[in-house]
Amino acid sequence: MKKGFLASGITTCEGCAMELIARIVFEAAGENTVAVIPPGCGAILAGYNGETPLELPVVMSNLEATAAFASGIRAGLDILGKPEVRVLGFAGDGGTADIGLQSLSGAVERNER
């Protein structure tokens, strides 16, 4: 079996599909990806104390600003001439549609990719 981008043995809640979804999403995104993950359930994927289970560059954003962090990283990568690098926000319902909606709607309004 091919090794994925997410280490085994992380401690997500029993029965939660987040770990499986993360494995599929990050495998589909590929190695040329920067992950932006807010605090909350997904924070276990971003890691703590300088360690992360993800074998990709990862940054933990503010809960309400995942899309804004991703937009800033995308702009920086474009300035550096790295358009091939994907920036992927991986947030739950709160970081996407509740407290994070204003950041997401701003990214949509600016036509961010």
C-alpha atoms as a PDB file:
ATOM      1  CA  MET A   1       0.000   0.000   0.000  1.00  0.00           C
ATOM      2  CA  LYS A   2       1.271   3.448  -0.936  1.00  0.00           C
ATOM      3  CA  LYS A   3       2.200   5.751   1.940  1.00  0.00           C
ATOM      4  CA  GLY A   4      -0.073   8.805   2.146  1.00  0.00           C
ATOM      5  CA  PHE A   5       0.493  12.376   3.280  1.00  0.00           C
ATOM      6  CA  LEU A   6      -1.140  11.837   6.690  1.00  0.00           C
ATOM      7  CA  ALA A   7       0.666   9.744   9.299  1.00  0.00           C
ATOM      8  CA  SER A   8      -1.118   6.817  10.911  1.00  0.00           C
ATOM      9  CA  GLY A   9      -2.065   6.787  14.562  1.00  0.00           C
ATOM     10  CA  ILE A  10      -3.518  10.273  14.917  1.00  0.00           C
ATOM     11  CA  THR A  11      -6.162  10.620  17.603  1.00  0.00           C
ATOM     12  CA  THR A  12      -9.336  11.805  15.940  1.00  0.00           C
ATOM     13  CA  CYS A  13     -12.601  10.964  17.665  1.00  0.00           C
ATOM     14  CA  GLU A  14     -13.849   7.428  17.203  1.00  0.00           C
ATOM     15  CA  GLY A  15     -16.453   7.254  14.469  1.00  0.00           C
ATOM     16  CA  CYS A  16     -15.596  10.673  13.011  1.00  0.00           C
ATOM     17  CA  ALA A  17     -14.994  10.674   9.273  1.00  0.00           C
ATOM     18  CA  MET A  18     -12.601  13.659   9.382  1.00  0.00           C
ATOM     19  CA  GLU A  19      -9.437  11.556   9.299  1.00  0.00           C
ATOM     20  CA  LEU A  20     -10.639   9.502   6.321  1.00  0.00           C
ATOM     21  CA  ILE A  21     -11.792  12.628   4.488  1.00  0.00           C
ATOM     22  CA  ALA A  22      -8.432  14.312   5.182  1.00  0.00           C
ATOM     23  CA  ARG A  23      -6.530  11.309   3.845  1.00  0.00           C
ATOM     24  CA  ILE A  24      -8.551  11.341   0.620  1.00  0.00           C
ATOM     25  CA  VAL A  25      -8.420  15.131   0.167  1.00  0.00           C
ATOM     26  CA  PHE A  26      -4.675  15.470   0.774  1.00  0.00           C
ATOM     27  CA  GLU A  27      -3.906  12.454  -1.412  1.00  0.00           C
ATOM     28  CA  ALA A  28      -5.961  13.991  -4.226  1.00  0.00           C
ATOM     29  CA  ALA A  29      -4.293  17.391  -3.742  1.00  0.00           C
ATOM     30  CA  GLY A  30      -0.814  15.890  -4.018  1.00  0.00           C
ATOM     31  CA  GLU A  31       2.596  16.821  -2.717  1.00  0.00           C
ATOM     32  CA  ASN A  32       2.671  20.341  -4.170  1.00  0.00           C
ATOM     33  CA  THR A  33       0.160  21.541  -1.554  1.00  0.00           C
ATOM     34  CA  VAL A  34       0.180  23.892   1.428  1.00  0.00           C
ATOM     35  CA  ALA A  35      -2.542  23.127   3.985  1.00  0.00           C
ATOM     36  CA  VAL A  36      -4.327  25.835   5.988  1.00  0.00           C
ATOM     37  CA  ILE A  37      -6.200  24.386   8.964  1.00  0.00           C
ATOM     38  CA  PRO A  38      -8.073  26.353  11.656  1.00  0.00           C
ATOM     39  CA  PRO A  39      -8.324  25.360  15.317  1.00  0.00           C
ATOM     40  CA  GLY A  40     -11.171  23.039  16.187  1.00  0.00           C
ATOM     41  CA  CYS A  41     -11.562  19.373  15.352  1.00  0.00           C
ATOM     42  CA  GLY A  42      -9.138  19.608  12.433  1.00  0.00           C
ATOM     43  CA  ALA A  43      -6.406  21.103  14.617  1.00  0.00           C
ATOM     44  CA  ILE A  44      -5.084  17.602  15.332  1.00  0.00           C
ATOM     45  CA  LEU A  45      -4.104  17.522  11.642  1.00  0.00           C
ATOM     46  CA  ALA A  46      -2.106  20.762  11.947  1.00  0.00           C
ATOM     47  CA  GLY A  47      -0.210  19.371  14.927  1.00  0.00           C
ATOM     48  CA  TYR A  48       1.193  20.953  18.059  1.00  0.00           C
ATOM     49  CA  ASN A  49       4.561  21.530  19.751  1.00  0.00           C
ATOM     50  CA  GLY A  50       6.281  21.740  16.373  1.00  0.00           C
ATOM     51  CA  GLU A  51       5.064  18.334  15.194  1.00  0.00           C
ATOM     52  CA  THR A  52       2.421  17.508  12.618  1.00  0.00           C
ATOM     53  CA  PRO A  53       1.024  14.250  11.227  1.00  0.00           C
ATOM     54  CA  LEU A  54       0.872  15.862   7.774  1.00  0.00           C
ATOM     55  CA  GLU A  55       3.806  15.386   5.451  1.00  0.00           C
ATOM     56  CA  LEU A  56       2.979  18.664   3.729  1.00  0.00           C
ATOM     57  CA  PRO A  57       3.617  22.286   4.727  1.00  0.00           C
ATOM     58  CA  VAL A  58       0.814  23.260   7.114  1.00  0.00           C
ATOM     59  CA  VAL A  59      -0.192  26.430   8.935  1.00  0.00           C
ATOM     60  CA  MET A  60      -2.873  26.821  11.598  1.00  0.00           C
ATOM     61  CA  SER A  61      -5.054  29.838  10.883  1.00  0.00           C
ATOM     62  CA  ASN A  62      -7.476  31.698  13.121  1.00  0.00           C
ATOM     63  CA  LEU A  63     -10.853  29.953  13.234  1.00  0.00           C
ATOM     64  CA  GLU A  64     -12.624  32.734  11.356  1.00  0.00           C
ATOM     65  CA  ALA A  65      -9.869  33.403   8.805  1.00  0.00           C
ATOM     66  CA  THR A  66      -8.973  30.178   6.987  1.00  0.00           C
ATOM     67  CA  ALA A  67      -9.829  31.635   3.569  1.00  0.00           C
ATOM     68  CA  ALA A  68      -7.959  34.877   4.327  1.00  0.00           C
ATOM     69  CA  PHE A  69      -4.838  32.937   5.359  1.00  0.00           C
ATOM     70  CA  ALA A  70      -5.096  30.833   2.197  1.00  0.00           C
ATOM     71  CA  SER A  71      -5.527  33.977   0.066  1.00  0.00           C
ATOM     72  CA  GLY A  72      -2.414  35.536   1.588  1.00  0.00           C
ATOM     73  CA  ILE A  73      -0.347  32.394   1.071  1.00  0.00           C
ATOM     74  CA  ARG A  74      -1.591  32.159  -2.534  1.00  0.00           C
ATOM     75  CA  ALA A  75      -0.608  35.795  -3.174  1.00  0.00           C
ATOM     76  CA  GLY A  76       2.852  35.167  -1.722  1.00  0.00           C
ATOM     77  CA  LEU A  77       3.362  32.054  -3.824  1.00  0.00           C
ATOM     78  CA  ASP A  78       2.284  33.966  -6.937  1.00  0.00           C
ATOM     79  CA  ILE A  79       4.822  36.707  -6.164  1.00  0.00           C
ATOM     80  CA  LEU A  80       7.497  34.023  -5.768  1.00  0.00           C
ATOM     81  CA  GLY A  81       6.533  32.598  -9.169  1.00  0.00           C
ATOM     82  CA  LYS A  82       5.101  29.343  -7.802  1.00  0.00           C
ATOM     83  CA  PRO A  83       1.622  29.106  -9.347  1.00  0.00           C
ATOM     84  CA  GLU A  84       1.834  25.288  -9.414  1.00  0.00           C
ATOM     85  CA  VAL A  85       1.634  25.046  -5.599  1.00  0.00           C
ATOM     86  CA  ARG A  86      -1.911  24.404  -4.343  1.00  0.00           C
ATOM     87  CA  VAL A  87      -3.197  26.136  -1.218  1.00  0.00           C
ATOM     88  CA  LEU A  88      -5.905  24.084   0.447  1.00  0.00           C
ATOM     89  CA  GLY A  89      -8.069  25.211   3.363  1.00  0.00           C
ATOM     90  CA  PHE A  90      -9.341  22.263   5.400  1.00  0.00           C
ATOM     91  CA  ALA A  91     -11.988  23.485   7.839  1.00  0.00           C
ATOM     92  CA  GLY A  92     -15.081  22.094   9.473  1.00  0.00           C
ATOM     93  CA  ASP A  93     -18.555  23.590   9.572  1.00  0.00           C
ATOM     94  CA  GLY A  94     -17.616  26.371  12.011  1.00  0.00           C
ATOM     95  CA  GLY A  95     -14.508  27.507  10.167  1.00  0.00           C
ATOM     96  CA  THR A  96     -16.333  27.381   6.838  1.00  0.00           C
ATOM     97  CA  ALA A  97     -19.999  28.318   7.175  1.00  0.00           C
ATOM     98  CA  ASP A  98     -20.429  29.765  10.675  1.00  0.00           C
ATOM     99  CA  ILE A  99     -17.704  32.066  11.968  1.00  0.00           C
ATOM    100  CA  GLY A 100     -15.634  31.606   8.790  1.00  0.00           C
ATOM    101  CA  LEU A 101     -18.282  32.670   6.284  1.00  0.00           C
ATOM    102  CA  GLN A 102     -17.150  36.312   6.070  1.00  0.00           C
ATOM    103  CA  SER A 103     -13.586  35.264   5.182  1.00  0.00           C
ATOM    104  CA  LEU A 104     -14.842  32.759   2.625  1.00  0.00           C
ATOM    105  CA  SER A 105     -17.270  35.241   1.058  1.00  0.00           C
ATOM    106  CA  GLY A 106     -14.433  37.794   0.809  1.00  0.00           C
ATOM    107  CA  ALA A 107     -12.299  35.282  -1.074  1.00  0.00           C
ATOM    108  CA  VAL A 108     -15.199  34.557  -3.436  1.00  0.00           C
ATOM    109  CA  GLU A 109     -15.803  38.290  -3.969  1.00  0.00           C
ATOM    110  CA  ARG A 110     -12.111  38.765  -4.878  1.00  0.00           C
ATOM    111  CA  ASN A 111     -12.384  35.793  -7.273  1.00  0.00           C
ATOM    112  CA  GLU A 112      -9.619  33.912  -5.435  1.00  0.00           C
ATOM    113  CA  ARG A 113      -8.722  30.540  -6.857  1.00  0.00           C
END
